[in-house]
Amino acid sequence: MHTPGTAHPRRWWILAALCLSLLVLVIDNTILNLAIPSLMSALGASPQDIQWIISSYTLAFAGLLLTAGGLADRYGCKRMLITGLAVFAVASLLASRATSPAILIAGRALMGVGGSLVMPATLSILVTVFDESERRKAIAAWSAVSLAGILIGPSLGGFLLEHFWWGSVFLVNVPVAVVAIAAAAWLMPESTGRAGRADVLGAVLCTVGMVAVAYAVIAASEHGWDGLATMGVLAFGLGVMAVFVVWELRAPAPMLRRRAGGLHRVDVRGHGGRCGVVGGGRGPRTVPDPGPARRSPRPHSKGHVRTQP
C-alpha cells in the first residue's frame, strides 16, 4: 500500500492522467468562444442566452469549488475525481445534443458541477503521490497544462467547427473524459476520507454565498458595480459568507480546518495529501501543503520529522 506523501511507483503516469483531467476543463472553456456564432444561428440563441451559456458554467464551478474540496476530503479524492469526470462527460454529451438554449444552459451548468469536483481532487492527488523532492516539478507540469489548454483550445475549436457541427466542441470532451476516468481507476491509489459528520449547513452556506458573489461579478459587466441588482446580490453573498465563517468557527465538524487565529485553509486531502484555498490580495488561490509531517529544516538531520500542530 502506498504511503501518502511518498513517491508512488506510477507517479508520472498518474501525473499524466491528472493533467489530462485538467486539460479537458481548460480546453472546453477556451473552445466555446469560437462556437458562439454557430450557436446563435443553429439554436436561435439571443445575446442574453449566450451570456447565460457562458456564465452558467462559471456560477456552478465557483459556487461549488470549496464544497467540492470538502467532499473530496471526506469521501476520497480519487472517488470525487472519477465522479466529476463522469458528470462532466454526461453534461458534455447533453450540451452537444441540445435543441434549445435552455438545454444548453443546463448542460453547461452541469459541466461546471463536474469541473468543480475535478479541480481540487487533481492537485490533492498530485501532492499525495509525489514526495517533497519531486513535488515542485509535478506541480509546475500540472500548472503548465492550463497554458497548453489555452493555446490548444482555439485551434481545436476552429478545426471542429470547420469540419463538423457546433455540438462537436462539446462532444470532443467525452472521449477525453472517458480515457481520464479509465486512467484514474487503474493508476491512482484509493484515498480514504476523514471520519465524522458532514458539515451540511456549512456546505449550503458556502455554496449559496459563492454563487451570489460570482453572479454579482458577472452582473457587474452588464449593470455596472453601482447597479442596484449588482450591489444587492453582492451584499447578500458577502453576508451569507460572513454567516458561513461564523458557523465554521463554532461547528463541531467544520468544513474548514480551524487553526489558531481563525480559519486557515480548506482541507481537501485524500488520505494524507491536501491543498488549501487561502486568501490574498489577488483573491483565493489553491496551494499545496505537504501534509501533516514535514521534514526538519536542519539540513543534516536524516529521517527526522516534526509533526505539524
C-alpha atoms as a PDB file:
ATOM      1  CA  MET A   1       0.000   0.000   0.000  1.00  0.00           C
ATOM      2  CA  HIS A   2       1.255   3.472  -0.896  1.00  0.00           C
ATOM      3  CA  THR A   3       2.102   5.871   1.926  1.00  0.00           C
ATOM      4  CA  PRO A   4       0.741   9.376   1.151  1.00  0.00           C
ATOM      5  CA  GLY A   5       3.434  11.988   0.652  1.00  0.00           C
ATOM      6  CA  THR A   6       5.989   9.475  -0.623  1.00  0.00           C
ATOM      7  CA  ALA A   7       6.918   8.712  -4.225  1.00  0.00           C
ATOM      8  CA  HIS A   8       4.355   6.413  -5.828  1.00  0.00           C
ATOM      9  CA  PRO A   9       5.845   3.893  -8.301  1.00  0.00           C
ATOM     10  CA  ARG A  10       3.450   5.068 -11.029  1.00  0.00           C
ATOM     11  CA  ARG A  11       3.527   8.738 -10.076  1.00  0.00           C
ATOM     12  CA  TRP A  12       4.464  10.077 -13.528  1.00  0.00           C
ATOM     13  CA  TRP A  13       1.694   8.096 -15.187  1.00  0.00           C
ATOM     14  CA  ILE A  14      -0.673   9.394 -12.522  1.00  0.00           C
ATOM     15  CA  LEU A  15       0.511  12.926 -13.269  1.00  0.00           C
ATOM     16  CA  ALA A  16      -0.274  12.386 -16.957  1.00  0.00           C
ATOM     17  CA  ALA A  17      -3.809  11.291 -16.039  1.00  0.00           C
ATOM     18  CA  LEU A  18      -4.247  14.314 -13.748  1.00  0.00           C
ATOM     19  CA  CYS A  19      -3.016  16.660 -16.469  1.00  0.00           C
ATOM     20  CA  LEU A  20      -5.444  15.083 -18.937  1.00  0.00           C
ATOM     21  CA  SER A  21      -8.280  15.650 -16.454  1.00  0.00           C
ATOM     22  CA  LEU A  22      -7.312  19.304 -16.118  1.00  0.00           C
ATOM     23  CA  LEU A  23      -6.766  19.747 -19.851  1.00  0.00           C
ATOM     24  CA  VAL A  24     -10.318  18.792 -20.761  1.00  0.00           C
ATOM     25  CA  LEU A  25     -11.644  21.522 -18.437  1.00  0.00           C
ATOM     26  CA  VAL A  26      -9.370  24.227 -19.816  1.00  0.00           C
ATOM     27  CA  ILE A  27      -9.952  23.377 -23.479  1.00  0.00           C
ATOM     28  CA  ASP A  28     -13.718  23.361 -23.007  1.00  0.00           C
ATOM     29  CA  ASN A  29     -13.744  26.921 -21.736  1.00  0.00           C
ATOM     30  CA  THR A  30     -11.443  28.278 -24.442  1.00  0.00           C
ATOM     31  CA  ILE A  31     -13.134  26.428 -27.293  1.00  0.00           C
ATOM     32  CA  LEU A  32     -16.630  27.740 -26.542  1.00  0.00           C
ATOM     33  CA  ASN A  33     -15.965  31.316 -27.661  1.00  0.00           C
ATOM     34  CA  LEU A  34     -15.410  30.208 -31.252  1.00  0.00           C
ATOM     35  CA  ALA A  35     -18.758  28.405 -31.331  1.00  0.00           C
ATOM     36  CA  ILE A  36     -20.861  31.417 -30.315  1.00  0.00           C
ATOM     37  CA  PRO A  37     -21.809  32.493 -33.897  1.00  0.00           C
ATOM     38  CA  SER A  38     -22.809  28.907 -34.730  1.00  0.00           C
ATOM     39  CA  LEU A  39     -24.866  28.637 -31.549  1.00  0.00           C
ATOM     40  CA  MET A  40     -26.753  31.828 -32.305  1.00  0.00           C
ATOM     41  CA  SER A  41     -27.520  30.578 -35.797  1.00  0.00           C
ATOM     42  CA  ALA A  42     -28.397  26.936 -35.022  1.00  0.00           C
ATOM     43  CA  LEU A  43     -30.306  27.400 -31.765  1.00  0.00           C
ATOM     44  CA  GLY A  44     -31.621  30.911 -32.292  1.00  0.00           C
ATOM     45  CA  ALA A  45     -29.790  31.994 -29.155  1.00  0.00           C
ATOM     46  CA  SER A  46     -30.045  35.642 -28.177  1.00  0.00           C
ATOM     47  CA  PRO A  47     -27.129  37.626 -26.725  1.00  0.00           C
ATOM     48  CA  GLN A  48     -28.684  37.107 -23.288  1.00  0.00           C
ATOM     49  CA  ASP A  49     -28.824  33.344 -23.905  1.00  0.00           C
ATOM     50  CA  ILE A  50     -25.164  33.348 -24.891  1.00  0.00           C
ATOM     51  CA  GLN A  51     -24.324  35.203 -21.688  1.00  0.00           C
ATOM     52  CA  TRP A  52     -26.061  32.515 -19.644  1.00  0.00           C
ATOM     53  CA  ILE A  53     -24.454  29.707 -21.653  1.00  0.00           C
ATOM     54  CA  ILE A  54     -21.083  31.113 -20.634  1.00  0.00           C
ATOM     55  CA  SER A  55     -21.987  32.207 -17.113  1.00  0.00           C
ATOM     56  CA  SER A  56     -23.873  29.085 -16.015  1.00  0.00           C
ATOM     57  CA  TYR A  57     -20.617  27.128 -16.003  1.00  0.00           C
ATOM     58  CA  THR A  58     -18.853  29.847 -14.006  1.00  0.00           C
ATOM     59  CA  LEU A  59     -21.624  30.061 -11.419  1.00  0.00           C
ATOM     60  CA  ALA A  60     -21.725  26.310 -10.826  1.00  0.00           C
ATOM     61  CA  PHE A  61     -17.942  25.945 -10.789  1.00  0.00           C
ATOM     62  CA  ALA A  62     -17.243  28.886  -8.477  1.00  0.00           C
ATOM     63  CA  GLY A  63     -20.184  28.157  -6.227  1.00  0.00           C
ATOM     64  CA  LEU A  64     -19.272  24.532  -5.592  1.00  0.00           C
ATOM     65  CA  LEU A  65     -15.460  24.642  -5.624  1.00  0.00           C
ATOM     66  CA  LEU A  66     -14.941  24.947  -1.856  1.00  0.00           C
ATOM     67  CA  THR A  67     -17.723  22.480  -1.117  1.00  0.00           C
ATOM     68  CA  ALA A  68     -16.243  20.024  -3.616  1.00  0.00           C
ATOM     69  CA  GLY A  69     -12.923  20.259  -1.789  1.00  0.00           C
ATOM     70  CA  GLY A  70     -14.670  19.269   1.412  1.00  0.00           C
ATOM     71  CA  LEU A  71     -16.360  16.340  -0.328  1.00  0.00           C
ATOM     72  CA  ALA A  72     -13.002  15.143  -1.660  1.00  0.00           C
ATOM     73  CA  ASP A  73     -11.579  15.314   1.843  1.00  0.00           C
ATOM     74  CA  ARG A  74     -14.427  13.300   3.310  1.00  0.00           C
ATOM     75  CA  TYR A  75     -15.173  10.726   0.608  1.00  0.00           C
ATOM     76  CA  GLY A  76     -11.814  10.406  -1.130  1.00  0.00           C
ATOM     77  CA  CYS A  77     -10.102  12.372  -3.893  1.00  0.00           C
ATOM     78  CA  LYS A  78      -9.984   9.513  -6.397  1.00  0.00           C
ATOM     79  CA  ARG A  79     -13.698   8.907  -6.000  1.00  0.00           C
ATOM     80  CA  MET A  80     -14.521  12.592  -6.442  1.00  0.00           C
ATOM     81  CA  LEU A  81     -12.204  12.883  -9.466  1.00  0.00           C
ATOM     82  CA  ILE A  82     -13.884   9.977 -11.245  1.00  0.00           C
ATOM     83  CA  THR A  83     -17.338  11.252 -10.297  1.00  0.00           C
ATOM     84  CA  GLY A  84     -16.525  14.747 -11.552  1.00  0.00           C
ATOM     85  CA  LEU A  85     -15.178  13.441 -14.862  1.00  0.00           C
ATOM     86  CA  ALA A  86     -18.273  11.275 -15.330  1.00  0.00           C
ATOM     87  CA  VAL A  87     -20.589  14.212 -14.632  1.00  0.00           C
ATOM     88  CA  PHE A  88     -18.550  16.390 -16.992  1.00  0.00           C
ATOM     89  CA  ALA A  89     -18.742  13.756 -19.773  1.00  0.00           C
ATOM     90  CA  VAL A  90     -22.508  13.269 -19.422  1.00  0.00           C
ATOM     91  CA  ALA A  91     -23.063  17.031 -19.349  1.00  0.00           C
ATOM     92  CA  SER A  92     -20.900  17.488 -22.450  1.00  0.00           C
ATOM     93  CA  LEU A  93     -22.967  14.869 -24.271  1.00  0.00           C
ATOM     94  CA  LEU A  94     -26.156  16.663 -23.206  1.00  0.00           C
ATOM     95  CA  ALA A  95     -24.794  20.004 -24.385  1.00  0.00           C
ATOM     96  CA  SER A  96     -23.741  18.578 -27.755  1.00  0.00           C
ATOM     97  CA  ARG A  97     -27.303  17.356 -28.383  1.00  0.00           C
ATOM     98  CA  ALA A  98     -29.070  20.485 -27.136  1.00  0.00           C
ATOM     99  CA  THR A  99     -32.049  21.609 -29.204  1.00  0.00           C
ATOM    100  CA  SER A 100     -32.646  24.881 -27.378  1.00  0.00           C
ATOM    101  CA  PRO A 101     -30.632  27.472 -25.463  1.00  0.00           C
ATOM    102  CA  ALA A 102     -32.265  26.357 -22.191  1.00  0.00           C
ATOM    103  CA  ILE A 103     -30.997  22.777 -22.580  1.00  0.00           C
ATOM    104  CA  LEU A 104     -27.521  24.024 -23.442  1.00  0.00           C
ATOM    105  CA  ILE A 105     -27.507  26.302 -20.396  1.00  0.00           C
ATOM    106  CA  ALA A 106     -28.470  23.347 -18.187  1.00  0.00           C
ATOM    107  CA  GLY A 107     -25.740  21.233 -19.756  1.00  0.00           C
ATOM    108  CA  ARG A 108     -23.142  23.929 -19.189  1.00  0.00           C
ATOM    109  CA  ALA A 109     -24.187  24.310 -15.540  1.00  0.00           C
ATOM    110  CA  LEU A 110     -23.833  20.560 -15.057  1.00  0.00           C
ATOM    111  CA  MET A 111     -20.389  20.735 -16.673  1.00  0.00           C
ATOM    112  CA  GLY A 112     -19.483  23.349 -14.055  1.00  0.00           C
ATOM    113  CA  VAL A 113     -20.565  20.931 -11.317  1.00  0.00           C
ATOM    114  CA  GLY A 114     -18.305  18.242 -12.752  1.00  0.00           C
ATOM    115  CA  GLY A 115     -15.417  20.664 -13.139  1.00  0.00           C
ATOM    116  CA  SER A 116     -15.699  21.772  -9.522  1.00  0.00           C
ATOM    117  CA  LEU A 117     -15.307  18.152  -8.396  1.00  0.00           C
ATOM    118  CA  VAL A 118     -12.316  17.534 -10.656  1.00  0.00           C
ATOM    119  CA  MET A 119     -10.202  20.602  -9.946  1.00  0.00           C
ATOM    120  CA  PRO A 120      -9.429  20.248  -6.196  1.00  0.00           C
ATOM    121  CA  ALA A 121      -9.088  16.468  -6.459  1.00  0.00           C
ATOM    122  CA  THR A 122      -6.340  16.646  -9.114  1.00  0.00           C
ATOM    123  CA  LEU A 123      -3.994  18.778  -7.039  1.00  0.00           C
ATOM    124  CA  SER A 124      -4.662  16.853  -3.854  1.00  0.00           C
ATOM    125  CA  ILE A 125      -3.840  13.533  -5.541  1.00  0.00           C
ATOM    126  CA  LEU A 126      -0.707  15.070  -7.041  1.00  0.00           C
ATOM    127  CA  VAL A 127       0.525  16.153  -3.618  1.00  0.00           C
ATOM    128  CA  THR A 128      -0.180  12.664  -2.278  1.00  0.00           C
ATOM    129  CA  VAL A 129       1.742  10.617  -4.863  1.00  0.00           C
ATOM    130  CA  PHE A 130       4.900  12.755  -5.112  1.00  0.00           C
ATOM    131  CA  ASP A 131       7.493  13.207  -2.414  1.00  0.00           C
ATOM    132  CA  GLU A 132       8.934  16.565  -1.469  1.00  0.00           C
ATOM    133  CA  SER A 133      11.916  16.310  -3.828  1.00  0.00           C
ATOM    134  CA  GLU A 134       9.763  15.956  -6.968  1.00  0.00           C
ATOM    135  CA  ARG A 135       6.587  17.738  -5.957  1.00  0.00           C
ATOM    136  CA  ARG A 136       7.553  21.143  -7.357  1.00  0.00           C
ATOM    137  CA  LYS A 137       8.329  19.667 -10.759  1.00  0.00           C
ATOM    138  CA  ALA A 138       4.991  17.873 -10.779  1.00  0.00           C
ATOM    139  CA  ILE A 139       3.058  20.996  -9.782  1.00  0.00           C
ATOM    140  CA  ALA A 140       4.871  23.006 -12.463  1.00  0.00           C
ATOM    141  CA  ALA A 141       3.871  20.439 -15.087  1.00  0.00           C
ATOM    142  CA  TRP A 142       0.294  20.427 -13.799  1.00  0.00           C
ATOM    143  CA  SER A 143       0.173  24.229 -13.971  1.00  0.00           C
ATOM    144  CA  ALA A 144       1.647  24.305 -17.478  1.00  0.00           C
ATOM    145  CA  VAL A 145      -1.316  22.285 -18.732  1.00  0.00           C
ATOM    146  CA  SER A 146      -3.560  25.316 -18.242  1.00  0.00           C
ATOM    147  CA  LEU A 147      -1.403  27.345 -20.603  1.00  0.00           C
ATOM    148  CA  ALA A 148      -1.304  24.474 -23.073  1.00  0.00           C
ATOM    149  CA  GLY A 149      -5.096  24.237 -22.989  1.00  0.00           C
ATOM    150  CA  ILE A 150      -5.455  27.944 -23.700  1.00  0.00           C
ATOM    151  CA  LEU A 151      -3.221  27.548 -26.752  1.00  0.00           C
ATOM    152  CA  ILE A 152      -4.774  24.306 -27.997  1.00  0.00           C
ATOM    153  CA  GLY A 153      -8.418  25.267 -27.500  1.00  0.00           C
ATOM    154  CA  PRO A 154      -8.858  27.860 -30.287  1.00  0.00           C
ATOM    155  CA  SER A 155      -7.027  25.747 -32.864  1.00  0.00           C
ATOM    156  CA  LEU A 156      -9.007  22.639 -31.986  1.00  0.00           C
ATOM    157  CA  GLY A 157     -12.246  24.606 -31.970  1.00  0.00           C
ATOM    158  CA  GLY A 158     -11.542  26.055 -35.398  1.00  0.00           C
ATOM    159  CA  PHE A 159     -10.833  22.600 -36.815  1.00  0.00           C
ATOM    160  CA  LEU A 160     -14.005  21.087 -35.338  1.00  0.00           C
ATOM    161  CA  LEU A 161     -16.277  23.915 -36.493  1.00  0.00           C
ATOM    162  CA  GLU A 162     -14.805  23.777 -39.979  1.00  0.00           C
ATOM    163  CA  HIS A 163     -15.374  20.044 -40.417  1.00  0.00           C
ATOM    164  CA  PHE A 164     -18.279  19.246 -38.051  1.00  0.00           C
ATOM    165  CA  TRP A 165     -21.335  20.857 -36.439  1.00  0.00           C
ATOM    166  CA  TRP A 166     -21.307  23.147 -33.408  1.00  0.00           C
ATOM    167  CA  GLY A 167     -22.020  20.302 -30.966  1.00  0.00           C
ATOM    168  CA  SER A 168     -18.621  18.774 -31.712  1.00  0.00           C
ATOM    169  CA  VAL A 169     -16.951  21.374 -29.466  1.00  0.00           C
ATOM    170  CA  PHE A 170     -18.734  19.706 -26.523  1.00  0.00           C
ATOM    171  CA  LEU A 171     -18.712  16.144 -27.817  1.00  0.00           C
ATOM    172  CA  VAL A 172     -14.900  16.159 -28.026  1.00  0.00           C
ATOM    173  CA  ASN A 173     -14.831  16.251 -24.212  1.00  0.00           C
ATOM    174  CA  VAL A 174     -16.461  12.822 -23.897  1.00  0.00           C
ATOM    175  CA  PRO A 175     -13.668  10.526 -25.170  1.00  0.00           C
ATOM    176  CA  VAL A 176     -11.031  12.543 -23.326  1.00  0.00           C
ATOM    177  CA  ALA A 177     -13.001  12.263 -20.074  1.00  0.00           C
ATOM    178  CA  VAL A 178     -13.531   8.520 -20.611  1.00  0.00           C
ATOM    179  CA  VAL A 179      -9.784   7.977 -21.065  1.00  0.00           C
ATOM    180  CA  ALA A 180      -9.077  10.061 -17.950  1.00  0.00           C
ATOM    181  CA  ILE A 181     -11.621   8.021 -15.939  1.00  0.00           C
ATOM    182  CA  ALA A 182     -10.038   4.748 -17.041  1.00  0.00           C
ATOM    183  CA  ALA A 183      -6.553   6.023 -16.204  1.00  0.00           C
ATOM    184  CA  ALA A 184      -7.677   7.262 -12.796  1.00  0.00           C
ATOM    185  CA  ALA A 185      -9.389   3.973 -11.950  1.00  0.00           C
ATOM    186  CA  TRP A 186      -6.345   1.941 -12.966  1.00  0.00           C
ATOM    187  CA  LEU A 187      -3.401   4.087 -11.870  1.00  0.00           C
ATOM    188  CA  MET A 188      -4.389   6.163  -8.875  1.00  0.00           C
ATOM    189  CA  PRO A 189      -4.315   4.911  -5.281  1.00  0.00           C
ATOM    190  CA  GLU A 190      -7.575   4.891  -3.391  1.00  0.00           C
ATOM    191  CA  SER A 191      -7.885   7.522  -0.698  1.00  0.00           C
ATOM    192  CA  THR A 192      -9.880   7.473   2.497  1.00  0.00           C
ATOM    193  CA  GLY A 193     -11.667  10.487   3.856  1.00  0.00           C
ATOM    194  CA  ARG A 194     -11.778  11.690   7.416  1.00  0.00           C
ATOM    195  CA  ALA A 195     -14.452  10.292   9.699  1.00  0.00           C
ATOM    196  CA  GLY A 196     -17.181  12.324  11.334  1.00  0.00           C
ATOM    197  CA  ARG A 197     -20.386  14.093  10.436  1.00  0.00           C
ATOM    198  CA  ALA A 198     -20.642  16.053   7.210  1.00  0.00           C
ATOM    199  CA  ASP A 199     -20.960  19.814   7.579  1.00  0.00           C
ATOM    200  CA  VAL A 200     -24.198  20.107   5.583  1.00  0.00           C
ATOM    201  CA  LEU A 201     -25.118  23.584   6.765  1.00  0.00           C
ATOM    202  CA  GLY A 202     -21.617  24.860   6.076  1.00  0.00           C
ATOM    203  CA  ALA A 203     -21.726  23.405   2.565  1.00  0.00           C
ATOM    204  CA  VAL A 204     -25.091  25.050   1.853  1.00  0.00           C
ATOM    205  CA  LEU A 205     -23.981  28.429   3.201  1.00  0.00           C
ATOM    206  CA  CYS A 206     -20.705  28.295   1.281  1.00  0.00           C
ATOM    207  CA  THR A 207     -22.397  27.334  -1.979  1.00  0.00           C
ATOM    208  CA  VAL A 208     -25.117  29.968  -1.741  1.00  0.00           C
ATOM    209  CA  GLY A 209     -22.660  32.687  -0.789  1.00  0.00           C
ATOM    210  CA  MET A 210     -20.146  31.838  -3.506  1.00  0.00           C
ATOM    211  CA  VAL A 211     -22.840  31.614  -6.203  1.00  0.00           C
ATOM    212  CA  ALA A 212     -24.194  35.008  -5.172  1.00  0.00           C
ATOM    213  CA  VAL A 213     -20.761  36.645  -5.227  1.00  0.00           C
ATOM    214  CA  ALA A 214     -19.931  35.061  -8.590  1.00  0.00           C
ATOM    215  CA  TYR A 215     -23.263  36.223 -10.007  1.00  0.00           C
ATOM    216  CA  ALA A 216     -22.616  39.766  -8.797  1.00  0.00           C
ATOM    217  CA  VAL A 217     -19.243  39.800 -10.574  1.00  0.00           C
ATOM    218  CA  ILE A 218     -20.906  38.579 -13.782  1.00  0.00           C
ATOM    219  CA  ALA A 219     -23.803  41.049 -13.463  1.00  0.00           C
ATOM    220  CA  ALA A 220     -21.372  43.932 -12.948  1.00  0.00           C
ATOM    221  CA  SER A 221     -20.248  43.635 -16.574  1.00  0.00           C
ATOM    222  CA  GLU A 222     -23.815  44.386 -17.702  1.00  0.00           C
ATOM    223  CA  HIS A 223     -25.240  46.615 -14.991  1.00  0.00           C
ATOM    224  CA  GLY A 224     -22.078  48.142 -13.521  1.00  0.00           C
ATOM    225  CA  TRP A 225     -20.888  47.935  -9.950  1.00  0.00           C
ATOM    226  CA  ASP A 226     -23.152  50.787  -8.928  1.00  0.00           C
ATOM    227  CA  GLY A 227     -26.267  48.982 -10.155  1.00  0.00           C
ATOM    228  CA  LEU A 228     -28.844  48.124  -7.530  1.00  0.00           C
ATOM    229  CA  ALA A 229     -29.074  44.484  -8.611  1.00  0.00           C
ATOM    230  CA  THR A 230     -25.309  44.029  -8.553  1.00  0.00           C
ATOM    231  CA  MET A 231     -24.800  45.592  -5.159  1.00  0.00           C
ATOM    232  CA  GLY A 232     -27.828  43.827  -3.678  1.00  0.00           C
ATOM    233  CA  VAL A 233     -26.678  40.374  -4.765  1.00  0.00           C
ATOM    234  CA  LEU A 234     -23.095  41.116  -3.738  1.00  0.00           C
ATOM    235  CA  ALA A 235     -24.185  42.278  -0.289  1.00  0.00           C
ATOM    236  CA  PHE A 236     -26.323  39.159   0.089  1.00  0.00           C
ATOM    237  CA  GLY A 237     -23.460  36.896  -0.966  1.00  0.00           C
ATOM    238  CA  LEU A 238     -20.958  38.548   1.360  1.00  0.00           C
ATOM    239  CA  GLY A 239     -23.484  38.397   4.202  1.00  0.00           C
ATOM    240  CA  VAL A 240     -24.013  34.673   3.678  1.00  0.00           C
ATOM    241  CA  MET A 241     -20.258  34.111   3.550  1.00  0.00           C
ATOM    242  CA  ALA A 242     -19.897  36.010   6.836  1.00  0.00           C
ATOM    243  CA  VAL A 243     -22.502  33.716   8.399  1.00  0.00           C
ATOM    244  CA  PHE A 244     -20.590  30.772   6.915  1.00  0.00           C
ATOM    245  CA  VAL A 245     -17.343  31.875   8.592  1.00  0.00           C
ATOM    246  CA  VAL A 246     -19.095  32.324  11.956  1.00  0.00           C
ATOM    247  CA  TRP A 247     -20.657  28.880  11.630  1.00  0.00           C
ATOM    248  CA  GLU A 248     -17.333  27.280  10.734  1.00  0.00           C
ATOM    249  CA  LEU A 249     -15.742  28.766  13.850  1.00  0.00           C
ATOM    250  CA  ARG A 250     -18.410  27.120  16.008  1.00  0.00           C
ATOM    251  CA  ALA A 251     -19.341  23.954  14.113  1.00  0.00           C
ATOM    252  CA  PRO A 252     -18.384  20.647  15.767  1.00  0.00           C
ATOM    253  CA  ALA A 253     -17.207  19.198  12.415  1.00  0.00           C
ATOM    254  CA  PRO A 254     -16.385  22.220  10.201  1.00  0.00           C
ATOM    255  CA  MET A 255     -15.660  22.025   6.502  1.00  0.00           C
ATOM    256  CA  LEU A 256     -12.775  24.454   7.031  1.00  0.00           C
ATOM    257  CA  ARG A 257      -9.923  23.311   9.257  1.00  0.00           C
ATOM    258  CA  ARG A 258      -9.584  25.587  12.266  1.00  0.00           C
ATOM    259  CA  ARG A 259      -6.213  26.951  13.320  1.00  0.00           C
ATOM    260  CA  ALA A 260      -5.050  29.387  15.976  1.00  0.00           C
ATOM    261  CA  GLY A 261      -6.188  32.829  14.921  1.00  0.00           C
ATOM    262  CA  GLY A 262      -9.125  31.640  12.824  1.00  0.00           C
ATOM    263  CA  LEU A 263      -9.809  29.649   9.695  1.00  0.00           C
ATOM    264  CA  HIS A 264      -6.685  28.852   7.716  1.00  0.00           C
ATOM    265  CA  ARG A 265      -7.411  26.527   4.825  1.00  0.00           C
ATOM    266  CA  VAL A 266      -9.933  24.296   3.190  1.00  0.00           C
ATOM    267  CA  ASP A 267      -8.873  20.731   3.847  1.00  0.00           C
ATOM    268  CA  VAL A 268      -9.325  18.724   0.667  1.00  0.00           C
ATOM    269  CA  ARG A 269      -6.913  15.925   1.396  1.00  0.00           C
ATOM    270  CA  GLY A 270      -7.464  12.341   0.488  1.00  0.00           C
ATOM    271  CA  HIS A 271      -5.584  10.037   2.857  1.00  0.00           C
ATOM    272  CA  GLY A 272      -2.817  12.469   3.657  1.00  0.00           C
ATOM    273  CA  GLY A 273      -2.421  14.810   0.688  1.00  0.00           C
ATOM    274  CA  ARG A 274      -4.097  18.149   0.891  1.00  0.00           C
ATOM    275  CA  CYS A 275      -4.345  21.508  -0.739  1.00  0.00           C
ATOM    276  CA  GLY A 276      -5.944  24.660   0.516  1.00  0.00           C
ATOM    277  CA  VAL A 277      -7.673  27.765  -0.677  1.00  0.00           C
ATOM    278  CA  VAL A 278      -6.107  30.721   1.039  1.00  0.00           C
ATOM    279  CA  GLY A 279      -6.914  34.380   0.857  1.00  0.00           C
ATOM    280  CA  GLY A 280      -4.667  37.008  -0.574  1.00  0.00           C
ATOM    281  CA  GLY A 281      -4.620  40.356  -2.285  1.00  0.00           C
ATOM    282  CA  ARG A 282      -5.281  38.743  -5.679  1.00  0.00           C
ATOM    283  CA  GLY A 283      -8.202  36.635  -4.487  1.00  0.00           C
ATOM    284  CA  PRO A 284      -8.385  32.983  -3.497  1.00  0.00           C
ATOM    285  CA  ARG A 285      -5.798  30.614  -4.907  1.00  0.00           C
ATOM    286  CA  THR A 286      -5.100  26.927  -4.479  1.00  0.00           C
ATOM    287  CA  VAL A 287      -1.787  25.994  -2.932  1.00  0.00           C
ATOM    288  CA  PRO A 288      -0.307  22.617  -1.987  1.00  0.00           C
ATOM    289  CA  ASP A 289       0.571  21.527   1.507  1.00  0.00           C
ATOM    290  CA  PRO A 290       2.925  18.593   2.039  1.00  0.00           C
ATOM    291  CA  GLY A 291       0.785  17.071   4.758  1.00  0.00           C
ATOM    292  CA  PRO A 292       0.915  16.563   8.495  1.00  0.00           C
ATOM    293  CA  ALA A 293       4.579  15.561   8.624  1.00  0.00           C
ATOM    294  CA  ARG A 294       7.275  17.875   7.336  1.00  0.00           C
ATOM    295  CA  ARG A 295      10.993  17.378   7.158  1.00  0.00           C
ATOM    296  CA  SER A 296      13.082  19.143   9.707  1.00  0.00           C
ATOM    297  CA  PRO A 297      14.592  22.423   8.447  1.00  0.00           C
ATOM    298  CA  ARG A 298      18.007  21.262   9.672  1.00  0.00           C
ATOM    299  CA  PRO A 299      19.974  20.266   6.568  1.00  0.00           C
ATOM    300  CA  HIS A 300      21.841  17.339   8.135  1.00  0.00           C
ATOM    301  CA  SER A 301      19.090  15.672  10.151  1.00  0.00           C
ATOM    302  CA  LYS A 302      18.211  12.497   8.289  1.00  0.00           C
ATOM    303  CA  GLY A 303      14.847  10.954   8.827  1.00  0.00           C
ATOM    304  CA  HIS A 304      13.847  13.499  11.449  1.00  0.00           C
ATOM    305  CA  VAL A 305      10.335  14.839  11.130  1.00  0.00           C
ATOM    306  CA  ARG A 306       8.332  17.227  13.157  1.00  0.00           C
ATOM    307  CA  THR A 307       4.604  16.920  13.431  1.00  0.00           C
ATOM    308  CA  GLN A 308       2.560  19.869  12.314  1.00  0.00           C
ATOM    309  CA  PRO A 309       0.381  21.131  15.162  1.00  0.00           C
END
